[in-house]
Protein backbone atom coordinates (compact mmCIF):
# COMPACT_ATOMS: atom_id res chain seq x y z
CA MET A 1 -160.76 132.63 -18.30
CA THR A 2 -163.25 130.36 -16.55
CA THR A 3 -162.67 126.60 -16.36
CA THR A 4 -165.78 124.46 -16.06
CA LEU A 5 -165.68 121.44 -13.77
CA LYS A 6 -168.36 118.80 -14.36
CA PHE A 7 -168.32 115.81 -12.04
CA VAL A 8 -170.23 113.08 -10.31
CA ARG A 9 -169.52 112.72 -6.57
CA LEU A 10 -168.37 109.15 -6.10
CA PRO A 11 -165.80 107.55 -3.81
CA ALA A 12 -162.54 107.09 -5.71
CA ALA A 13 -162.61 103.29 -5.62
CA LEU A 14 -166.22 103.19 -6.83
CA ALA A 15 -165.41 105.67 -9.59
CA ILE A 16 -162.56 103.49 -10.80
CA LEU A 17 -164.76 100.40 -10.82
CA LEU A 18 -167.45 102.31 -12.66
CA GLY A 19 -164.89 103.48 -15.22
CA VAL A 20 -163.73 99.91 -15.82
CA ALA A 21 -167.31 98.68 -16.16
CA LEU A 22 -168.18 101.45 -18.61
CA ALA A 23 -165.05 100.71 -20.65
CA ALA A 24 -165.96 97.03 -20.82
CA THR A 25 -169.52 97.86 -21.88
CA ALA A 26 -168.26 100.23 -24.54
CA SER A 27 -165.87 97.59 -25.83
CA LEU A 28 -168.74 95.12 -26.22
CA HIS A 29 -170.71 97.63 -28.28
CA GLY A 30 -167.72 98.73 -30.38
CA THR A 31 -167.73 102.33 -29.13
CA GLU A 32 -165.37 104.42 -27.06
CA ALA A 33 -165.81 104.47 -23.29
CA PRO A 34 -167.98 107.38 -22.10
CA VAL A 35 -166.34 109.91 -19.80
CA VAL A 36 -168.10 110.42 -16.47
CA ALA A 37 -166.21 113.54 -15.42
CA GLN A 38 -164.00 116.00 -17.19
CA TYR A 39 -161.73 118.85 -16.18
CA GLY A 40 -160.81 121.38 -18.82
CA GLY A 41 -161.90 118.97 -21.53
CA GLY A 42 -159.79 116.01 -20.31
CA PRO A 43 -160.99 112.94 -18.42
CA LEU A 44 -160.31 112.66 -14.70
CA ALA A 45 -158.07 109.70 -13.86
CA ALA A 46 -160.67 108.28 -11.48
CA ASN A 47 -163.06 107.83 -14.39
CA LEU A 48 -160.69 106.10 -16.78
CA PRO A 49 -160.44 102.36 -17.33
CA VAL A 50 -157.41 100.98 -15.50
CA GLU A 51 -154.78 98.70 -17.00
CA VAL A 52 -151.36 97.50 -15.92
CA ALA A 53 -148.63 98.27 -18.44
CA VAL A 54 -146.97 95.37 -20.23
CA LEU A 55 -143.21 95.85 -19.88
CA THR A 56 -140.74 93.93 -22.04
CA ALA A 57 -137.04 93.17 -21.90
CA PRO A 58 -134.86 94.13 -24.88
CA PRO A 59 -134.93 93.51 -27.79
CA HIS A 60 -138.67 92.86 -27.42
CA VAL A 61 -141.40 95.50 -27.60
CA PRO A 62 -144.90 95.42 -26.04
CA PRO A 63 -147.72 94.95 -28.57
CA PRO A 64 -149.24 98.03 -30.24
CA ILE A 65 -152.09 99.69 -28.36
CA ALA A 66 -155.40 98.85 -30.01
CA ARG A 67 -157.75 100.91 -27.84
CA LYS A 68 -159.01 104.28 -29.11
CA HIS A 69 -159.52 105.96 -25.75
CA GLU A 70 -157.43 107.15 -22.84
CA ALA A 71 -156.73 104.89 -19.87
CA LYS A 72 -155.14 105.03 -16.49
CA VAL A 73 -151.98 102.95 -16.97
CA VAL A 74 -150.16 101.56 -13.95
CA VAL A 75 -146.41 101.09 -14.47
CA ASN A 76 -144.52 98.98 -11.93
CA LEU A 77 -140.76 99.21 -12.43
CA GLU A 78 -138.18 97.75 -10.06
CA VAL A 79 -134.56 98.83 -9.69
CA VAL A 80 -132.23 95.85 -9.28
CA GLU A 81 -128.44 95.91 -8.99
CA VAL A 82 -127.03 92.78 -10.65
CA THR A 83 -123.66 91.41 -11.72
CA ARG A 84 -123.82 90.16 -15.28
CA ARG A 85 -121.79 89.63 -18.43
CA LEU A 86 -120.30 92.67 -20.18
CA ALA A 87 -118.12 90.66 -22.61
CA ASP A 88 -116.76 87.13 -22.74
CA GLY A 89 -115.01 86.56 -19.43
CA VAL A 90 -115.83 90.11 -18.31
CA ASP A 91 -118.44 90.90 -15.64
CA TYR A 92 -119.80 94.21 -14.44
CA ASN A 93 -122.03 95.32 -11.59
CA PHE A 94 -124.94 96.82 -13.51
CA TRP A 95 -127.64 98.98 -11.97
CA THR A 96 -130.85 98.25 -13.85
CA PHE A 97 -134.50 99.07 -14.36
CA GLY A 98 -136.12 95.64 -14.25
CA GLY A 99 -132.93 93.57 -14.22
CA GLU A 100 -132.14 94.46 -17.86
CA VAL A 101 -129.86 96.82 -19.77
CA PRO A 102 -131.44 98.80 -21.26
CA GLY A 103 -134.39 98.91 -18.88
CA LEU A 104 -137.79 97.44 -19.65
CA PHE A 105 -139.64 99.01 -22.58
CA ILE A 106 -142.74 101.03 -21.61
CA ARG A 107 -145.59 101.66 -24.09
CA VAL A 108 -148.54 103.99 -23.46
CA ARG A 109 -150.91 106.10 -25.56
CA GLN A 110 -151.03 109.86 -25.90
CA GLY A 111 -153.47 111.22 -23.31
CA ASP A 112 -153.05 108.28 -20.91
CA VAL A 113 -152.76 109.05 -17.23
CA VAL A 114 -149.75 107.09 -15.99
CA GLU A 115 -149.46 106.01 -12.38
CA PHE A 116 -145.76 105.28 -12.05
CA ARG A 117 -144.44 103.14 -9.22
CA LEU A 118 -140.69 102.83 -8.74
CA ASN A 119 -139.48 100.10 -6.39
CA ASN A 120 -135.85 99.81 -5.24
CA HIS A 121 -135.01 96.19 -4.39
CA PRO A 122 -133.86 95.60 -0.78
CA SER A 123 -130.57 94.12 -2.03
CA SER A 124 -129.58 97.42 -3.71
CA LYS A 125 -126.66 99.33 -2.30
CA MET A 126 -127.67 102.73 -3.71
CA PRO A 127 -130.71 105.01 -3.79
CA HIS A 128 -132.11 105.60 -7.28
CA ASN A 129 -134.80 107.60 -9.06
CA ILE A 130 -136.11 108.02 -12.60
CA ASP A 131 -136.31 110.90 -15.05
CA LEU A 132 -138.67 110.11 -17.94
CA HIS A 133 -138.25 112.47 -20.88
CA ALA A 134 -141.92 111.82 -21.70
CA VAL A 135 -143.00 113.63 -18.52
CA THR A 136 -144.03 117.27 -18.60
CA GLY A 137 -143.02 118.53 -15.17
CA PRO A 138 -139.87 119.44 -13.21
CA GLY A 139 -137.27 116.71 -13.22
CA GLY A 140 -139.33 114.39 -15.37
CA GLY A 141 -140.36 112.57 -12.21
CA ALA A 142 -136.90 112.48 -10.64
CA ALA A 143 -137.82 114.64 -7.64
CA SER A 144 -140.85 112.46 -6.91
CA THR A 145 -139.07 109.11 -7.14
CA PHE A 146 -135.88 109.31 -5.08
CA THR A 147 -136.06 105.85 -3.54
CA ALA A 148 -133.83 104.20 -0.96
CA PRO A 149 -133.11 100.45 -1.06
CA GLY A 150 -136.16 98.47 0.06
CA HIS A 151 -138.54 101.40 -0.51
CA SER A 152 -141.08 102.45 -3.16
CA SER A 153 -142.14 105.77 -4.65
CA GLN A 154 -145.11 106.79 -6.79
CA PHE A 155 -146.20 109.74 -8.89
CA THR A 156 -148.72 110.36 -11.67
CA PHE A 157 -148.37 112.17 -14.98
CA THR A 158 -150.34 112.60 -18.18
CA ALA A 159 -148.62 111.56 -21.41
CA LEU A 160 -149.28 114.80 -23.28
CA ASN A 161 -146.87 114.42 -26.20
CA ALA A 162 -146.53 111.51 -28.59
CA GLY A 163 -143.02 110.27 -29.33
CA LEU A 164 -140.20 107.92 -28.36
CA TYR A 165 -138.45 109.06 -25.19
CA VAL A 166 -135.46 108.05 -23.10
CA TYR A 167 -135.76 107.48 -19.39
CA HIS A 168 -132.80 107.27 -17.00
CA CYS A 169 -131.71 107.53 -13.40
CA ALA A 170 -130.96 111.08 -12.27
CA THR A 171 -129.39 110.37 -8.88
CA ALA A 172 -125.92 111.83 -8.32
CA PRO A 173 -123.44 111.07 -9.69
CA VAL A 174 -125.75 110.93 -12.69
CA PRO A 175 -123.16 109.86 -15.33
CA MET A 176 -122.18 106.87 -13.19
CA HIS A 177 -125.78 105.73 -12.68
CA ILE A 178 -126.48 105.98 -16.42
CA SER A 179 -123.24 104.34 -17.53
CA ASN A 180 -123.95 101.48 -15.11
CA GLY A 181 -127.06 100.66 -17.15
CA MET A 182 -129.85 102.87 -15.82
CA TYR A 183 -131.56 103.93 -19.05
CA GLY A 184 -134.43 102.75 -21.24
CA LEU A 185 -137.20 103.84 -23.62
CA ILE A 186 -140.83 104.83 -23.19
CA LEU A 187 -143.04 105.08 -26.29
CA VAL A 188 -146.04 107.38 -26.21
CA GLU A 189 -148.06 106.29 -29.22
CA PRO A 190 -149.97 109.02 -31.06
CA LYS A 191 -153.74 108.81 -30.67
CA GLU A 192 -154.09 107.53 -34.23
CA GLY A 193 -151.37 104.94 -33.61
CA LEU A 194 -148.25 104.20 -35.64
CA PRO A 195 -148.33 102.56 -39.07
CA PRO A 196 -148.45 98.76 -38.67
CA VAL A 197 -145.24 96.78 -39.28
CA ASP A 198 -144.36 93.09 -39.12
CA ARG A 199 -141.49 93.30 -36.63
CA GLU A 200 -140.57 95.75 -33.89
CA PHE A 201 -137.26 95.67 -32.02
CA TYR A 202 -135.80 97.59 -29.06
CA VAL A 203 -132.11 98.53 -29.22
CA MET A 204 -130.16 101.02 -27.13
CA GLN A 205 -126.54 102.11 -27.14
CA GLY A 206 -124.56 102.89 -24.01
CA ASP A 207 -120.97 103.77 -23.16
CA LEU A 208 -119.12 102.20 -20.22
CA TYR A 209 -115.91 103.23 -18.50
CA THR A 210 -113.85 100.56 -16.75
CA GLN A 211 -110.54 100.83 -14.92
CA ALA A 212 -109.16 97.83 -16.82
CA PRO A 213 -108.70 97.93 -20.61
CA TYR A 214 -111.20 96.48 -23.05
CA GLY A 215 -111.46 92.71 -22.83
CA GLU A 216 -109.54 92.19 -19.58
CA ALA A 217 -111.18 89.30 -17.76
CA GLY A 218 -112.85 89.49 -14.36
CA LEU A 219 -115.23 91.83 -12.55
CA GLN A 220 -114.69 95.38 -13.79
CA ILE A 221 -115.01 98.64 -11.86
CA PHE A 222 -116.33 102.01 -13.03
CA ASP A 223 -113.63 104.61 -13.78
CA ASN A 224 -114.83 108.14 -13.06
CA VAL A 225 -111.77 109.80 -14.63
CA LYS A 226 -112.37 108.05 -17.96
CA ALA A 227 -116.07 108.94 -17.77
CA THR A 228 -115.31 112.60 -17.13
CA ASP A 229 -112.86 112.63 -20.04
CA GLU A 230 -115.40 110.73 -22.20
CA ARG A 231 -112.90 107.95 -22.99
CA ALA A 232 -115.25 104.97 -23.23
CA THR A 233 -113.77 101.50 -22.71
CA TYR A 234 -116.88 99.82 -24.10
CA VAL A 235 -119.62 101.08 -26.41
CA VAL A 236 -122.35 98.46 -26.60
CA PHE A 237 -125.82 97.66 -27.85
CA ASN A 238 -128.25 96.30 -25.27
CA GLY A 239 -125.81 96.21 -22.41
CA ALA A 240 -123.04 93.86 -23.56
CA VAL A 241 -120.60 93.01 -26.32
CA GLY A 242 -122.33 90.45 -28.53
CA ALA A 243 -125.81 91.01 -27.06
CA LEU A 244 -127.29 90.97 -30.59
CA VAL A 245 -125.11 88.47 -32.47
CA GLY A 246 -125.15 84.73 -33.13
CA ASP A 247 -128.22 83.04 -31.72
CA LYS A 248 -129.21 86.36 -30.07
CA ALA A 249 -129.38 88.24 -33.39
CA LEU A 250 -132.63 89.93 -34.41
CA GLN A 251 -134.66 87.81 -36.83
CA ALA A 252 -136.88 88.70 -39.80
CA THR A 253 -138.10 87.19 -43.08
CA VAL A 254 -137.83 88.55 -46.61
CA GLY A 255 -140.81 90.78 -47.40
CA GLU A 256 -141.40 91.88 -43.80
CA THR A 257 -141.35 95.45 -42.58
CA VAL A 258 -139.17 96.22 -39.56
CA ARG A 259 -139.32 99.08 -37.09
CA LEU A 260 -136.37 99.75 -34.79
CA TYR A 261 -136.88 101.74 -31.62
CA PHE A 262 -133.34 102.97 -31.10
CA GLY A 263 -132.09 105.11 -28.25
CA VAL A 264 -128.81 106.23 -26.72
CA GLY A 265 -128.52 106.07 -22.96
CA GLY A 266 -125.04 107.56 -22.96
CA PRO A 267 -124.02 109.10 -20.67
CA ASN A 268 -121.75 110.85 -23.17
CA LEU A 269 -121.52 109.63 -26.76
CA THR A 270 -123.68 110.41 -29.79
CA SER A 271 -124.37 107.46 -32.11
CA SER A 272 -124.06 107.45 -35.90
CA PHE A 273 -126.53 104.60 -36.27
CA HIS A 274 -126.40 102.56 -39.47
CA VAL A 275 -127.55 99.14 -40.68
CA ILE A 276 -124.99 97.83 -43.17
CA GLY A 277 -126.77 96.72 -46.34
CA GLU A 278 -130.08 98.49 -45.63
CA ILE A 279 -131.53 101.92 -46.29
CA PHE A 280 -134.08 103.26 -43.84
CA ASP A 281 -137.30 103.83 -45.76
CA ARG A 282 -138.49 106.19 -43.03
CA VAL A 283 -136.81 107.76 -40.02
CA TYR A 284 -138.58 109.60 -37.24
CA PRO A 285 -135.63 111.74 -36.13
CA GLU A 286 -135.14 112.65 -32.47
CA GLY A 287 -138.07 110.42 -31.50
CA GLY A 288 -140.74 112.77 -32.84
CA THR A 289 -143.82 111.61 -34.74
CA LYS A 290 -144.52 114.48 -37.14
CA LEU A 291 -141.37 115.02 -39.20
CA VAL A 292 -140.49 111.89 -41.21
CA GLN A 293 -137.33 111.64 -43.30
CA GLU A 294 -137.16 109.10 -46.13
CA ASN A 295 -134.35 107.04 -47.71
CA VAL A 296 -131.79 107.59 -44.96
CA GLN A 297 -128.42 105.82 -44.74
CA THR A 298 -127.15 106.85 -41.29
CA THR A 299 -128.95 108.82 -38.61
CA MET A 300 -127.45 110.72 -35.69
CA VAL A 301 -128.95 109.93 -32.30
CA PRO A 302 -127.69 112.05 -29.39
CA SER A 303 -127.02 110.88 -25.87
CA GLY A 304 -130.37 110.97 -24.11
CA GLY A 305 -132.17 110.85 -27.46
CA ALA A 306 -134.02 108.34 -29.62
CA ALA A 307 -135.23 107.70 -33.16
CA MET A 308 -137.50 105.26 -34.97
CA MET A 309 -136.39 103.64 -38.22
CA GLU A 310 -138.59 101.62 -40.59
CA PHE A 311 -137.51 99.53 -43.57
CA LYS A 312 -138.58 96.52 -45.60
CA VAL A 313 -136.18 93.58 -45.81
CA GLU A 314 -136.00 92.37 -49.41
CA VAL A 315 -132.83 90.26 -49.57
CA PRO A 316 -131.87 87.40 -47.23
CA GLY A 317 -128.62 87.55 -45.29
CA THR A 318 -126.99 89.10 -42.25
CA TYR A 319 -127.38 92.85 -41.77
CA VAL A 320 -124.95 94.41 -39.31
CA LEU A 321 -126.11 97.14 -36.92
CA VAL A 322 -123.29 99.55 -36.05
CA ASP A 323 -122.37 102.88 -34.65
CA HIS A 324 -120.67 104.16 -37.81
CA SER A 325 -117.97 105.70 -35.65
CA LEU A 326 -116.53 102.33 -36.57
CA SER A 327 -113.83 101.90 -33.94
CA ARG A 328 -116.72 101.70 -31.49
CA ALA A 329 -118.30 98.93 -33.56
CA PHE A 330 -115.26 96.75 -34.25
CA ASN A 331 -113.11 97.52 -31.22
CA LYS A 332 -115.50 98.47 -28.41
CA GLY A 333 -118.61 96.39 -29.01
CA ALA A 334 -121.26 98.57 -30.72
CA LEU A 335 -122.25 95.89 -33.21
CA GLY A 336 -125.36 93.76 -33.64
CA MET A 337 -127.01 91.66 -36.33
CA LEU A 338 -130.35 91.31 -38.07
CA LYS A 339 -130.58 87.90 -39.74
CA VAL A 340 -133.08 87.76 -42.59
CA SER A 341 -134.24 84.43 -43.96
CA GLY A 342 -136.20 83.78 -47.15
CA GLN A 343 -136.00 83.53 -50.91
CA GLU A 344 -132.94 84.86 -52.70
CA SER A 345 -133.47 87.71 -55.16
CA PRO A 346 -130.53 87.80 -57.61
CA VAL A 347 -132.07 90.74 -59.46
CA LEU A 348 -131.85 92.87 -56.31
CA TYR A 349 -128.56 91.52 -55.01
CA SER A 350 -126.03 88.88 -56.02
CA GLY A 351 -122.95 88.12 -53.98
CA LYS A 352 -121.53 86.34 -50.97
CA GLU A 353 -122.69 87.12 -47.46
CA VAL A 354 -120.62 89.20 -45.04
CA ASP A 355 -117.47 87.18 -44.40
CA GLU A 356 -115.59 86.18 -41.27
CA VAL A 357 -112.74 88.65 -41.84
CA TYR A 358 -115.18 91.55 -41.83
CA LEU A 359 -116.99 90.64 -38.64
CA GLY A 360 -114.09 89.33 -36.57
CA GLN A 361 -115.09 87.74 -33.27
CA GLN A 362 -118.74 88.74 -33.76
CA SER A 363 -118.93 86.32 -36.70
CA ASP A 364 -120.64 82.95 -36.45
CA ALA A 365 -117.28 81.31 -35.77
CA GLY A 366 -116.56 83.82 -33.01
CA SER A 367 -120.00 83.31 -31.49
CA ALA A 368 -119.44 79.55 -31.53
CA SER A 369 -116.16 80.09 -29.68
CA SER A 370 -117.99 82.20 -27.09
CA ARG A 371 -120.47 79.39 -26.50
CA ARG A 372 -117.71 76.78 -26.36
CA GLU A 373 -115.71 78.95 -23.95
CA ALA A 374 -118.69 79.26 -21.62
CA GLU A 375 -119.17 75.49 -21.70
CA LEU A 376 -115.51 74.90 -20.87
CA VAL A 377 -115.51 77.42 -18.03
CA ALA A 378 -118.53 75.65 -16.54
CA ARG A 379 -116.79 72.30 -16.97
CA LYS A 380 -113.65 73.64 -15.33
CA ALA A 381 -115.66 74.69 -12.28
CA GLU A 382 -116.98 71.14 -11.98
CA VAL A 383 -113.56 69.50 -11.99
CA ILE A 384 -111.57 72.18 -10.20
CA ALA A 385 -110.85 70.02 -7.13
CA SER A 386 -107.37 68.57 -7.81
CA ASN A 387 -108.31 66.90 -11.05
CA PRO A 388 -105.62 66.32 -13.71
CA GLU A 389 -108.12 67.41 -16.38
CA ILE A 390 -107.80 70.99 -15.17
CA ALA A 391 -104.63 71.78 -17.13
CA ASN A 392 -106.18 70.50 -20.37
CA ILE A 393 -109.44 72.40 -19.81
CA THR A 394 -107.52 75.61 -19.10
CA LYS A 395 -105.67 75.19 -22.41
CA GLU A 396 -108.93 74.57 -24.28
CA ILE A 397 -110.47 77.71 -22.75
CA GLN A 398 -107.41 79.71 -23.81
CA MET A 399 -107.72 78.38 -27.34
CA GLU A 400 -111.40 79.33 -27.67
CA ARG A 401 -110.69 82.82 -26.33
CA GLY A 402 -107.63 83.04 -28.54
CA LYS A 403 -109.61 82.05 -31.61
CA LYS A 404 -111.84 85.10 -31.14
CA VAL A 405 -108.78 87.37 -30.86
CA PHE A 406 -107.34 85.72 -33.98
CA LEU A 407 -110.58 86.34 -35.89
CA THR A 408 -110.44 90.02 -34.94
CA SER A 409 -106.73 90.83 -35.22
CA CYS A 410 -104.88 88.18 -37.26
CA PHE A 411 -107.30 86.47 -39.62
CA ALA A 412 -107.15 88.96 -42.49
CA CYS A 413 -103.38 88.54 -43.05
CA HIS A 414 -102.57 85.03 -41.85
CA MET A 415 -105.77 83.44 -43.27
CA GLN A 416 -108.26 81.01 -41.76
CA GLU A 417 -105.97 77.97 -41.61
CA GLY A 418 -102.84 79.93 -40.71
CA GLN A 419 -101.46 79.40 -44.21
CA GLY A 420 -100.51 83.04 -44.74
CA LEU A 421 -100.20 84.64 -48.17
CA PRO A 422 -97.27 83.39 -50.29
CA GLY A 423 -94.54 85.98 -50.64
CA VAL A 424 -96.43 88.48 -48.49
CA PHE A 425 -97.46 87.13 -45.07
CA PRO A 426 -95.61 84.15 -43.56
CA PRO A 427 -97.54 81.05 -42.52
CA LEU A 428 -98.32 80.30 -38.89
CA ALA A 429 -99.19 76.67 -39.58
CA GLY A 430 -96.02 74.60 -39.23
CA SER A 431 -93.91 77.74 -38.79
CA ASP A 432 -90.33 76.98 -37.70
CA TYR A 433 -89.94 80.68 -36.83
CA LEU A 434 -92.86 80.53 -34.42
CA LYS A 435 -91.76 77.23 -32.91
CA ALA A 436 -88.14 78.23 -32.31
CA GLU A 437 -88.56 80.75 -29.50
CA LYS A 438 -91.69 81.41 -27.46
CA ASP A 439 -90.50 84.74 -25.99
CA ARG A 440 -89.71 86.04 -29.47
CA ALA A 441 -93.26 85.18 -30.55
CA VAL A 442 -94.61 87.14 -27.58
CA ARG A 443 -92.42 90.15 -28.46
CA VAL A 444 -93.65 90.09 -32.06
CA VAL A 445 -97.26 90.31 -30.87
CA LEU A 446 -96.51 93.08 -28.37
CA LYS A 447 -94.03 95.18 -30.39
CA GLY A 448 -94.72 94.19 -33.97
CA LEU A 449 -92.16 93.12 -36.58
CA SER A 450 -90.69 94.66 -39.71
CA GLY A 451 -87.91 93.75 -42.10
CA PRO A 452 -86.70 90.51 -43.65
CA ILE A 453 -87.22 87.14 -41.96
CA THR A 454 -87.06 83.52 -43.15
CA VAL A 455 -89.89 81.12 -42.41
CA ASN A 456 -89.70 77.47 -43.46
CA GLY A 457 -86.79 78.34 -45.76
CA LYS A 458 -88.64 81.12 -47.61
CA PRO A 459 -87.88 84.86 -47.34
CA TYR A 460 -90.49 87.43 -46.25
CA ASN A 461 -90.08 91.18 -45.92
CA ASN A 462 -93.18 92.91 -44.62
CA MET A 463 -94.49 94.71 -41.55
CA MET A 464 -96.71 93.55 -38.68
CA PRO A 465 -97.96 96.35 -36.41
CA PRO A 466 -97.93 95.99 -32.60
CA GLN A 467 -101.16 94.50 -31.27
CA ASP A 468 -102.99 96.42 -28.55
CA LEU A 469 -103.88 93.37 -26.45
CA THR A 470 -104.05 92.65 -22.74
CA ASN A 471 -101.70 90.07 -21.24
CA ASP A 472 -104.53 87.53 -21.22
CA GLN A 473 -105.51 88.23 -24.83
CA ALA A 474 -101.91 87.94 -26.09
CA ALA A 475 -101.43 84.68 -24.20
CA ASP A 476 -104.71 83.30 -25.49
CA VAL A 477 -104.11 84.09 -29.15
CA LEU A 478 -100.56 82.73 -29.06
CA THR A 479 -101.76 79.54 -27.38
CA TYR A 480 -104.43 79.20 -30.07
CA VAL A 481 -101.93 79.71 -32.90
CA MET A 482 -99.32 77.41 -31.32
CA ASN A 483 -101.82 74.56 -31.04
CA SER A 484 -103.84 74.85 -34.26
CA TRP A 485 -103.47 73.51 -37.82
CA GLY A 486 -101.18 70.70 -36.67
CA ASN A 487 -98.96 72.94 -34.50
CA ASP A 488 -97.86 71.57 -31.13
CA PHE A 489 -95.62 74.33 -29.83
CA GLY A 490 -96.70 74.52 -26.19
CA THR A 491 -98.73 77.19 -24.39
CA VAL A 492 -98.27 80.82 -23.36
CA SER A 493 -99.54 82.17 -20.05
CA ALA A 494 -100.49 85.70 -19.09
CA GLN A 495 -97.48 85.64 -16.74
CA ASP A 496 -95.21 84.86 -19.72
CA VAL A 497 -96.58 87.90 -21.55
CA LYS A 498 -96.29 90.09 -18.47
CA ARG A 499 -92.65 89.04 -18.02
CA VAL A 500 -91.74 89.73 -21.66
CA ARG A 501 -93.62 93.04 -21.59
CA GLY A 502 -91.61 94.05 -18.53
CA GLU A 503 -88.35 93.31 -20.35
CA GLN A 504 -89.12 95.78 -23.14
């Protein structure tokens, strides 16, 4: 087979400038840019108009591509190692593409020639690279981008196949690099484009493995044994517990169409992705653009995979995004929210919105406690130098943290104001049983309680299961309960809990 090469001999820089000028001229006349040189039917990169890719942090997505011709797209992506919030009071040393988890969203068009530049910030401790699943070629670019701290690498590829693709670091140990936050999405739009929608959002799920248990405060360290055994401590959307709740929730208006670009960085777990209260009108499974499934409730997205979901929001309210392996959602963090505003439609739906019991600490009340906790921690830092306010601030911080634990673990039985359920669950508000002995209260939380007891002169005979809480969490929730609803029963410290736990 003979391949025909047609070209004009021009210096590379001049050819690029000529390509840009021709593209601009074509744009003015409403036609596609002419191709100066072609190889095997495709344009040479030197003759394509050049543009710098717009990269966006999650949950935002770059605007759709309006042009109808190929371009040379320059992608500049920087690796930065940063310490940031994993959960309230919990920090983690994330390794990131662009300072974000997931990494910055990349959007190109099928047929584009992509000049990819990976920069590893001088402050990094580790070398990194990138494997883009959109690349046709060995390693997906990984072999061409192994980059030491303070260095840069570059390679070029043609986006041959339309679809939504994961990218990730592929430097050994690969699971550690990915779990630490090194994953993201690249969309290769089909030449005809995607159907227009009103809102587009970028969400990715990842699993993290820490040496300390879920929720333990402080800077956490990666646990390779847990990662190898696939025992995730945290499963999160967009890099942190609560990254998509409260004032960070996704927003839409009744009547709008929404497209979610959803991916799973992993490194290990498959997601059963579901939006509670919505049905996906269309799903592009596995990130492809040809096969479209309609009227889907839950879609499986594998580790290292992606999918696009489209739906119209028709009823106002809060829609909860979850991994429907629900312990991950309600106990490990894989939960987000889409808040839809607009006109009620009683014909379509009539009923109360998702309540506090259902959402636990991700509810509005829990989110408010997170904000208040952060404010108090900042205030504590300001007055830390031998100020008598410190003890009071510490107690307030405990109470805000404890409120979130209460909303997750205690609220459903003991009720919002600690009033309990007559004849079934004893009250916490004004409880003589709770007030009488602090260590007994700690043991009840740690070991549970069953059998008959008397509270405020009334008999109760039920069962409370042991609570799987850290020392800090148990101390915080007990301090909250012992100082709420008119109670003034003192405080509980993590050392108190540790001591009682050791006595068991």
